[in-house]
Full PDB file with SEQRES, HELIX, SHEET, SSBOND, CRYST1, ORIGX, SCALE, CONECT and MASTER records, all heavy atoms in Angstrom:
SEQRES   1 A   33  GLY GLY GLY LEU VAL GLN PRO GLY GLY SER LEU ARG LEU          
SEQRES   2 A   33  SER CYS LEU ALA SER GLY THR THR LEU ASN TYR VAL THR          
SEQRES   3 A   33  VAL GLY TRP PHE ARG GLU ALA                                  
HELIX    1 AA1 LEU A   22  TYR A   24  5                                   3    
CRYST1    1.000    1.000    1.000  90.00  90.00  90.00 P 1           1          
ORIGX1      1.000000  0.000000  0.000000        0.00000                         
ORIGX2      0.000000  1.000000  0.000000        0.00000                         
ORIGX3      0.000000  0.000000  1.000000        0.00000                         
SCALE1      1.000000  0.000000  0.000000        0.00000                         
SCALE2      0.000000  1.000000  0.000000        0.00000                         
SCALE3      0.000000  0.000000  1.000000        0.00000                         
ATOM      1  N   GLY A   1     -11.894  -3.339  18.292  1.00  0.00           N  
ATOM      2  CA  GLY A   1     -11.866  -4.815  18.329  1.00  0.00           C  
ATOM      3  C   GLY A   1     -10.644  -5.429  18.953  1.00  0.00           C  
ATOM      4  O   GLY A   1     -10.576  -6.651  19.081  1.00  0.00           O  
ATOM      5  N   GLY A   2      -9.679  -4.619  19.317  1.00  0.00           N  
ATOM      6  CA  GLY A   2      -8.486  -5.193  19.983  1.00  0.00           C  
ATOM      7  C   GLY A   2      -8.823  -5.682  21.376  1.00  0.00           C  
ATOM      8  O   GLY A   2      -9.925  -5.496  21.916  1.00  0.00           O  
ATOM      9  N   GLY A   3      -7.846  -6.365  21.955  1.00  0.00           N  
ATOM     10  CA  GLY A   3      -8.032  -6.898  23.317  1.00  0.00           C  
ATOM     11  C   GLY A   3      -6.977  -7.894  23.685  1.00  0.00           C  
ATOM     12  O   GLY A   3      -5.955  -8.055  22.944  1.00  0.00           O  
ATOM     13  N   LEU A   4      -7.226  -8.601  24.751  1.00  0.00           N  
ATOM     14  CA  LEU A   4      -6.308  -9.637  25.231  1.00  0.00           C  
ATOM     15  C   LEU A   4      -6.837 -11.006  24.837  1.00  0.00           C  
ATOM     16  O   LEU A   4      -8.028 -11.323  25.034  1.00  0.00           O  
ATOM     17  CB  LEU A   4      -6.223  -9.566  26.774  1.00  0.00           C  
ATOM     18  CG  LEU A   4      -5.479 -10.678  27.474  1.00  0.00           C  
ATOM     19  CD1 LEU A   4      -3.972 -10.628  27.059  1.00  0.00           C  
ATOM     20  CD2 LEU A   4      -5.573 -10.580  28.976  1.00  0.00           C  
ATOM     21  N   VAL A   5      -5.987 -11.794  24.214  1.00  0.00           N  
ATOM     22  CA  VAL A   5      -6.385 -13.138  23.738  1.00  0.00           C  
ATOM     23  C   VAL A   5      -5.263 -14.111  24.027  1.00  0.00           C  
ATOM     24  O   VAL A   5      -4.077 -13.721  23.999  1.00  0.00           O  
ATOM     25  CB  VAL A   5      -6.767 -13.085  22.274  1.00  0.00           C  
ATOM     26  CG1 VAL A   5      -5.554 -12.700  21.406  1.00  0.00           C  
ATOM     27  CG2 VAL A   5      -7.403 -14.394  21.814  1.00  0.00           C  
ATOM     28  N   GLN A   6      -5.609 -15.328  24.290  1.00  0.00           N  
ATOM     29  CA  GLN A   6      -4.571 -16.341  24.524  1.00  0.00           C  
ATOM     30  C   GLN A   6      -3.961 -16.795  23.213  1.00  0.00           C  
ATOM     31  O   GLN A   6      -4.582 -16.693  22.155  1.00  0.00           O  
ATOM     32  CB  GLN A   6      -5.188 -17.564  25.229  1.00  0.00           C  
ATOM     33  CG  GLN A   6      -5.624 -17.265  26.652  1.00  0.00           C  
ATOM     34  CD  GLN A   6      -6.096 -18.551  27.368  1.00  0.00           C  
ATOM     35  OE1 GLN A   6      -6.421 -19.531  26.740  1.00  0.00           O  
ATOM     36  NE2 GLN A   6      -6.126 -18.459  28.687  1.00  0.00           N  
ATOM     37  N   PRO A   7      -2.736 -17.311  23.262  1.00  0.00           N  
ATOM     38  CA  PRO A   7      -2.101 -17.855  22.066  1.00  0.00           C  
ATOM     39  C   PRO A   7      -3.041 -18.870  21.412  1.00  0.00           C  
ATOM     40  O   PRO A   7      -3.602 -19.739  22.111  1.00  0.00           O  
ATOM     41  CB  PRO A   7      -0.796 -18.507  22.549  1.00  0.00           C  
ATOM     42  CG  PRO A   7      -0.486 -17.686  23.759  1.00  0.00           C  
ATOM     43  CD  PRO A   7      -1.811 -17.365  24.436  1.00  0.00           C  
ATOM     44  N   GLY A   8      -3.156 -18.773  20.096  1.00  0.00           N  
ATOM     45  CA  GLY A   8      -4.044 -19.680  19.379  1.00  0.00           C  
ATOM     46  C   GLY A   8      -5.479 -19.150  19.262  1.00  0.00           C  
ATOM     47  O   GLY A   8      -6.279 -19.723  18.533  1.00  0.00           O  
ATOM     48  N   GLY A   9      -5.771 -18.042  19.928  1.00  0.00           N  
ATOM     49  CA  GLY A   9      -7.078 -17.485  19.917  1.00  0.00           C  
ATOM     50  C   GLY A   9      -7.340 -16.582  18.707  1.00  0.00           C  
ATOM     51  O   GLY A   9      -6.460 -16.458  17.842  1.00  0.00           O  
ATOM     52  N   SER A  10      -8.533 -15.983  18.677  1.00  0.00           N  
ATOM     53  CA  SER A  10      -8.943 -15.181  17.550  1.00  0.00           C  
ATOM     54  C   SER A  10      -9.442 -13.825  17.993  1.00  0.00           C  
ATOM     55  O   SER A  10      -9.979 -13.671  19.112  1.00  0.00           O  
ATOM     56  CB  SER A  10     -10.048 -15.886  16.759  1.00  0.00           C  
ATOM     57  OG  SER A  10      -9.627 -17.097  16.227  1.00  0.00           O  
ATOM     58  N   LEU A  11      -9.304 -12.857  17.127  1.00  0.00           N  
ATOM     59  CA  LEU A  11      -9.894 -11.521  17.285  1.00  0.00           C  
ATOM     60  C   LEU A  11     -10.293 -11.027  15.916  1.00  0.00           C  
ATOM     61  O   LEU A  11      -9.693 -11.403  14.908  1.00  0.00           O  
ATOM     62  CB  LEU A  11      -8.877 -10.537  17.874  1.00  0.00           C  
ATOM     63  CG  LEU A  11      -8.564 -10.575  19.381  1.00  0.00           C  
ATOM     64  CD1 LEU A  11      -7.462  -9.598  19.675  1.00  0.00           C  
ATOM     65  CD2 LEU A  11      -9.810 -10.259  20.167  1.00  0.00           C  
ATOM     66  N   ARG A  12     -11.350 -10.159  15.939  1.00  0.00           N  
ATOM     67  CA  ARG A  12     -11.698  -9.530  14.679  1.00  0.00           C  
ATOM     68  C   ARG A  12     -11.600  -8.011  14.899  1.00  0.00           C  
ATOM     69  O   ARG A  12     -12.331  -7.445  15.739  1.00  0.00           O  
ATOM     70  CB  ARG A  12     -13.133  -9.863  14.256  1.00  0.00           C  
ATOM     71  CG  ARG A  12     -13.475  -9.337  12.887  1.00  0.00           C  
ATOM     72  CD  ARG A  12     -14.846  -9.710  12.383  1.00  0.00           C  
ATOM     73  NE  ARG A  12     -15.890  -8.955  13.073  1.00  0.00           N  
ATOM     74  CZ  ARG A  12     -17.144  -8.833  12.599  1.00  0.00           C  
ATOM     75  NH1 ARG A  12     -17.497  -9.460  11.496  1.00  0.00           N  
ATOM     76  NH2 ARG A  12     -18.027  -8.112  13.247  1.00  0.00           N  
ATOM     77  N   LEU A  13     -10.732  -7.366  14.149  1.00  0.00           N  
ATOM     78  CA  LEU A  13     -10.586  -5.923  14.185  1.00  0.00           C  
ATOM     79  C   LEU A  13     -11.495  -5.271  13.134  1.00  0.00           C  
ATOM     80  O   LEU A  13     -11.731  -5.820  12.082  1.00  0.00           O  
ATOM     81  CB  LEU A  13      -9.134  -5.510  13.913  1.00  0.00           C  
ATOM     82  CG  LEU A  13      -8.087  -6.160  14.795  1.00  0.00           C  
ATOM     83  CD1 LEU A  13      -6.700  -5.587  14.449  1.00  0.00           C  
ATOM     84  CD2 LEU A  13      -8.397  -6.015  16.265  1.00  0.00           C  
ATOM     85  N   SER A  14     -11.978  -4.098  13.476  1.00  0.00           N  
ATOM     86  CA  SER A  14     -12.839  -3.368  12.594  1.00  0.00           C  
ATOM     87  C   SER A  14     -12.211  -1.973  12.287  1.00  0.00           C  
ATOM     88  O   SER A  14     -11.536  -1.389  13.156  1.00  0.00           O  
ATOM     89  CB  SER A  14     -14.193  -3.110  13.243  1.00  0.00           C  
ATOM     90  OG  SER A  14     -14.852  -4.299  13.518  1.00  0.00           O  
ATOM     91  N   CYS A  15     -12.434  -1.521  11.069  1.00  0.00           N  
ATOM     92  CA  CYS A  15     -11.960  -0.183  10.672  1.00  0.00           C  
ATOM     93  C   CYS A  15     -13.089   0.521  10.012  1.00  0.00           C  
ATOM     94  O   CYS A  15     -13.511   0.147   8.888  1.00  0.00           O  
ATOM     95  CB  CYS A  15     -10.788  -0.351   9.701  1.00  0.00           C  
ATOM     96  SG  CYS A  15     -10.300   1.214   8.921  1.00  0.00           S  
ATOM     97  N   LEU A  16     -13.614   1.523  10.653  1.00  0.00           N  
ATOM     98  CA  LEU A  16     -14.678   2.337  10.105  1.00  0.00           C  
ATOM     99  C   LEU A  16     -14.088   3.477   9.318  1.00  0.00           C  
ATOM    100  O   LEU A  16     -13.325   4.285   9.803  1.00  0.00           O  
ATOM    101  CB  LEU A  16     -15.537   2.929  11.277  1.00  0.00           C  
ATOM    102  CG  LEU A  16     -16.651   3.898  10.840  1.00  0.00           C  
ATOM    103  CD1 LEU A  16     -17.709   3.208   9.971  1.00  0.00           C  
ATOM    104  CD2 LEU A  16     -17.316   4.494  12.095  1.00  0.00           C  
ATOM    105  N   ALA A  17     -14.447   3.516   8.008  1.00  0.00           N  
ATOM    106  CA  ALA A  17     -13.921   4.524   7.143  1.00  0.00           C  
ATOM    107  C   ALA A  17     -14.795   5.753   7.214  1.00  0.00           C  
ATOM    108  O   ALA A  17     -15.735   5.939   6.415  1.00  0.00           O  
ATOM    109  CB  ALA A  17     -13.848   4.001   5.708  1.00  0.00           C  
ATOM    110  N   SER A  18     -14.573   6.617   8.181  1.00  0.00           N  
ATOM    111  CA  SER A  18     -15.395   7.816   8.359  1.00  0.00           C  
ATOM    112  C   SER A  18     -15.065   8.872   7.316  1.00  0.00           C  
ATOM    113  O   SER A  18     -13.960   8.970   6.830  1.00  0.00           O  
ATOM    114  CB  SER A  18     -15.190   8.373   9.752  1.00  0.00           C  
ATOM    115  OG  SER A  18     -13.837   8.743   9.949  1.00  0.00           O  
ATOM    116  N   GLY A  19     -16.110   9.612   6.925  1.00  0.00           N  
ATOM    117  CA  GLY A  19     -15.923  10.734   5.995  1.00  0.00           C  
ATOM    118  C   GLY A  19     -15.831  10.309   4.564  1.00  0.00           C  
ATOM    119  O   GLY A  19     -15.575  11.142   3.685  1.00  0.00           O  
ATOM    120  N   THR A  20     -16.049   9.044   4.264  1.00  0.00           N  
ATOM    121  CA  THR A  20     -15.968   8.572   2.874  1.00  0.00           C  
ATOM    122  C   THR A  20     -16.752   7.246   2.804  1.00  0.00           C  
ATOM    123  O   THR A  20     -17.290   6.792   3.779  1.00  0.00           O  
ATOM    124  CB  THR A  20     -14.522   8.345   2.426  1.00  0.00           C  
ATOM    125  OG1 THR A  20     -14.512   8.018   1.046  1.00  0.00           O  
ATOM    126  CG2 THR A  20     -13.859   7.260   3.232  1.00  0.00           C  
ATOM    127  N   THR A  21     -16.787   6.648   1.630  1.00  0.00           N  
ATOM    128  CA  THR A  21     -17.325   5.323   1.516  1.00  0.00           C  
ATOM    129  C   THR A  21     -16.203   4.385   1.001  1.00  0.00           C  
ATOM    130  O   THR A  21     -15.248   4.866   0.340  1.00  0.00           O  
ATOM    131  CB  THR A  21     -18.518   5.260   0.516  1.00  0.00           C  
ATOM    132  OG1 THR A  21     -18.121   5.847  -0.732  1.00  0.00           O  
ATOM    133  CG2 THR A  21     -19.696   6.062   1.061  1.00  0.00           C  
ATOM    134  N   LEU A  22     -16.348   3.122   1.233  1.00  0.00           N  
ATOM    135  CA  LEU A  22     -15.276   2.183   1.012  1.00  0.00           C  
ATOM    136  C   LEU A  22     -14.882   2.065  -0.467  1.00  0.00           C  
ATOM    137  O   LEU A  22     -13.756   1.731  -0.815  1.00  0.00           O  
ATOM    138  CB  LEU A  22     -15.597   0.807   1.548  1.00  0.00           C  
ATOM    139  CG  LEU A  22     -15.613   0.704   3.062  1.00  0.00           C  
ATOM    140  CD1 LEU A  22     -16.066  -0.662   3.477  1.00  0.00           C  
ATOM    141  CD2 LEU A  22     -14.257   1.022   3.652  1.00  0.00           C  
ATOM    142  N   ASN A  23     -15.817   2.360  -1.391  1.00  0.00           N  
ATOM    143  CA  ASN A  23     -15.466   2.247  -2.805  1.00  0.00           C  
ATOM    144  C   ASN A  23     -14.593   3.426  -3.300  1.00  0.00           C  
ATOM    145  O   ASN A  23     -14.219   3.471  -4.458  1.00  0.00           O  
ATOM    146  CB  ASN A  23     -16.694   2.087  -3.633  1.00  0.00           C  
ATOM    147  CG  ASN A  23     -17.694   3.221  -3.478  1.00  0.00           C  
ATOM    148  OD1 ASN A  23     -17.709   3.884  -2.474  1.00  0.00           O  
ATOM    149  ND2 ASN A  23     -18.437   3.462  -4.558  1.00  0.00           N  
ATOM    150  N   TYR A  24     -14.298   4.362  -2.377  1.00  0.00           N  
ATOM    151  CA  TYR A  24     -13.442   5.499  -2.743  1.00  0.00           C  
ATOM    152  C   TYR A  24     -12.128   5.479  -1.968  1.00  0.00           C  
ATOM    153  O   TYR A  24     -11.360   6.477  -1.964  1.00  0.00           O  
ATOM    154  CB  TYR A  24     -14.146   6.818  -2.466  1.00  0.00           C  
ATOM    155  CG  TYR A  24     -15.154   7.130  -3.528  1.00  0.00           C  
ATOM    156  CD1 TYR A  24     -16.507   6.868  -3.363  1.00  0.00           C  
ATOM    157  CD2 TYR A  24     -14.778   7.738  -4.721  1.00  0.00           C  
ATOM    158  CE1 TYR A  24     -17.411   7.163  -4.339  1.00  0.00           C  
ATOM    159  CE2 TYR A  24     -15.695   8.046  -5.720  1.00  0.00           C  
ATOM    160  CZ  TYR A  24     -17.020   7.740  -5.529  1.00  0.00           C  
ATOM    161  OH  TYR A  24     -17.934   8.031  -6.503  1.00  0.00           O  
ATOM    162  N   VAL A  25     -11.829   4.347  -1.284  1.00  0.00           N  
ATOM    163  CA  VAL A  25     -10.541   4.265  -0.565  1.00  0.00           C  
ATOM    164  C   VAL A  25      -9.923   2.879  -0.729  1.00  0.00           C  
ATOM    165  O   VAL A  25     -10.611   1.886  -0.804  1.00  0.00           O  
ATOM    166  CB  VAL A  25     -10.694   4.573   0.941  1.00  0.00           C  
ATOM    167  CG1 VAL A  25     -11.031   6.058   1.142  1.00  0.00           C  
ATOM    168  CG2 VAL A  25     -11.729   3.716   1.578  1.00  0.00           C  
ATOM    169  N   THR A  26      -8.616   2.879  -0.709  1.00  0.00           N  
ATOM    170  CA  THR A  26      -7.830   1.681  -0.496  1.00  0.00           C  
ATOM    171  C   THR A  26      -7.546   1.632   1.023  1.00  0.00           C  
ATOM    172  O   THR A  26      -7.191   2.646   1.637  1.00  0.00           O  
ATOM    173  CB  THR A  26      -6.503   1.697  -1.253  1.00  0.00           C  
ATOM    174  OG1 THR A  26      -6.820   1.729  -2.673  1.00  0.00           O  
ATOM    175  CG2 THR A  26      -5.642   0.475  -0.958  1.00  0.00           C  
ATOM    176  N   VAL A  27      -7.674   0.456   1.592  1.00  0.00           N  
ATOM    177  CA  VAL A  27      -7.506   0.310   3.050  1.00  0.00           C  
ATOM    178  C   VAL A  27      -6.358  -0.650   3.326  1.00  0.00           C  
ATOM    179  O   VAL A  27      -6.210  -1.707   2.711  1.00  0.00           O  
ATOM    180  CB  VAL A  27      -8.805  -0.251   3.697  1.00  0.00           C  
ATOM    181  CG1 VAL A  27      -8.598  -0.435   5.178  1.00  0.00           C  
ATOM    182  CG2 VAL A  27      -9.954   0.721   3.431  1.00  0.00           C  
ATOM    183  N   GLY A  28      -5.539  -0.267   4.311  1.00  0.00           N  
ATOM    184  CA  GLY A  28      -4.460  -1.144   4.728  1.00  0.00           C  
ATOM    185  C   GLY A  28      -4.456  -1.313   6.217  1.00  0.00           C  
ATOM    186  O   GLY A  28      -4.962  -0.488   6.976  1.00  0.00           O  
ATOM    187  N   TRP A  29      -3.971  -2.478   6.663  1.00  0.00           N  
ATOM    188  CA  TRP A  29      -3.756  -2.749   8.079  1.00  0.00           C  
ATOM    189  C   TRP A  29      -2.272  -2.904   8.329  1.00  0.00           C  
ATOM    190  O   TRP A  29      -1.554  -3.595   7.556  1.00  0.00           O  
ATOM    191  CB  TRP A  29      -4.457  -4.064   8.487  1.00  0.00           C  
ATOM    192  CG  TRP A  29      -5.908  -3.960   8.708  1.00  0.00           C  
ATOM    193  CD1 TRP A  29      -6.904  -4.354   7.874  1.00  0.00           C  
ATOM    194  CD2 TRP A  29      -6.565  -3.482   9.896  1.00  0.00           C  
ATOM    195  NE1 TRP A  29      -8.117  -4.088   8.424  1.00  0.00           N  
ATOM    196  CE2 TRP A  29      -7.965  -3.584   9.686  1.00  0.00           C  
ATOM    197  CE3 TRP A  29      -6.146  -2.945  11.142  1.00  0.00           C  
ATOM    198  CZ2 TRP A  29      -8.911  -3.177  10.612  1.00  0.00           C  
ATOM    199  CZ3 TRP A  29      -7.087  -2.528  12.040  1.00  0.00           C  
ATOM    200  CH2 TRP A  29      -8.447  -2.673  11.786  1.00  0.00           C  
ATOM    201  N   PHE A  30      -1.808  -2.291   9.397  1.00  0.00           N  
ATOM    202  CA  PHE A  30      -0.403  -2.353   9.809  1.00  0.00           C  
ATOM    203  C   PHE A  30      -0.380  -2.690  11.282  1.00  0.00           C  
ATOM    204  O   PHE A  30      -1.355  -2.498  12.015  1.00  0.00           O  
ATOM    205  CB  PHE A  30       0.261  -1.012   9.576  1.00  0.00           C  
ATOM    206  CG  PHE A  30       0.440  -0.665   8.131  1.00  0.00           C  
ATOM    207  CD1 PHE A  30      -0.635  -0.140   7.380  1.00  0.00           C  
ATOM    208  CD2 PHE A  30       1.642  -0.821   7.461  1.00  0.00           C  
ATOM    209  CE1 PHE A  30      -0.488   0.166   6.027  1.00  0.00           C  
ATOM    210  CE2 PHE A  30       1.803  -0.517   6.129  1.00  0.00           C  
ATOM    211  CZ  PHE A  30       0.731  -0.006   5.427  1.00  0.00           C  
ATOM    212  N   ARG A  31       0.776  -3.136  11.755  1.00  0.00           N  
ATOM    213  CA  ARG A  31       0.929  -3.360  13.185  1.00  0.00           C  
ATOM    214  C   ARG A  31       2.316  -2.899  13.593  1.00  0.00           C  
ATOM    215  O   ARG A  31       3.279  -2.920  12.816  1.00  0.00           O  
ATOM    216  CB  ARG A  31       0.675  -4.815  13.566  1.00  0.00           C  
ATOM    217  CG  ARG A  31       1.676  -5.781  12.957  1.00  0.00           C  
ATOM    218  CD  ARG A  31       1.211  -7.231  13.211  1.00  0.00           C  
ATOM    219  NE  ARG A  31       2.130  -8.194  12.622  1.00  0.00           N  
ATOM    220  CZ  ARG A  31       1.856  -9.481  12.496  1.00  0.00           C  
ATOM    221  NH1 ARG A  31       0.695  -9.995  12.964  1.00  0.00           N  
ATOM    222  NH2 ARG A  31       2.749 -10.301  11.980  1.00  0.00           N  
ATOM    223  N   GLU A  32       2.395  -2.569  14.895  1.00  0.00           N  
ATOM    224  CA  GLU A  32       3.653  -2.098  15.447  1.00  0.00           C  
ATOM    225  C   GLU A  32       3.862  -2.761  16.797  1.00  0.00           C  
ATOM    226  O   GLU A  32       3.152  -2.507  17.763  1.00  0.00           O  
ATOM    227  CB  GLU A  32       3.601  -0.597  15.600  1.00  0.00           C  
ATOM    228  CG  GLU A  32       4.953   0.029  15.859  1.00  0.00           C  
ATOM    229  CD  GLU A  32       4.836   1.563  15.744  1.00  0.00           C  
ATOM    230  OE1 GLU A  32       4.402   2.073  14.689  1.00  0.00           O  
ATOM    231  OE2 GLU A  32       5.217   2.236  16.711  1.00  0.00           O  
ATOM    232  N   ALA A  33       4.853  -3.662  16.859  1.00  0.00           N  
ATOM    233  CA  ALA A  33       5.172  -4.334  18.093  1.00  0.00           C  
ATOM    234  C   ALA A  33       6.143  -3.449  18.896  1.00  0.00           C  
ATOM    235  O   ALA A  33       6.859  -2.651  18.329  1.00  0.00           O  
ATOM    236  CB  ALA A  33       5.817  -5.671  17.835  1.00  0.00           C  
TER     237      ALA A  33                                                      
MASTER        0    0    0    1    0    0    0    6  236    1    0    3          
END                                                                             
């Protein structure tokens, strides 16, 4: 879901939890500039 967007714009990132189901994991988002 990443990409190039103008300031003020929107993006929606997706995280597919492969090998498990979501009720068995805690999920976090991080970023690195």
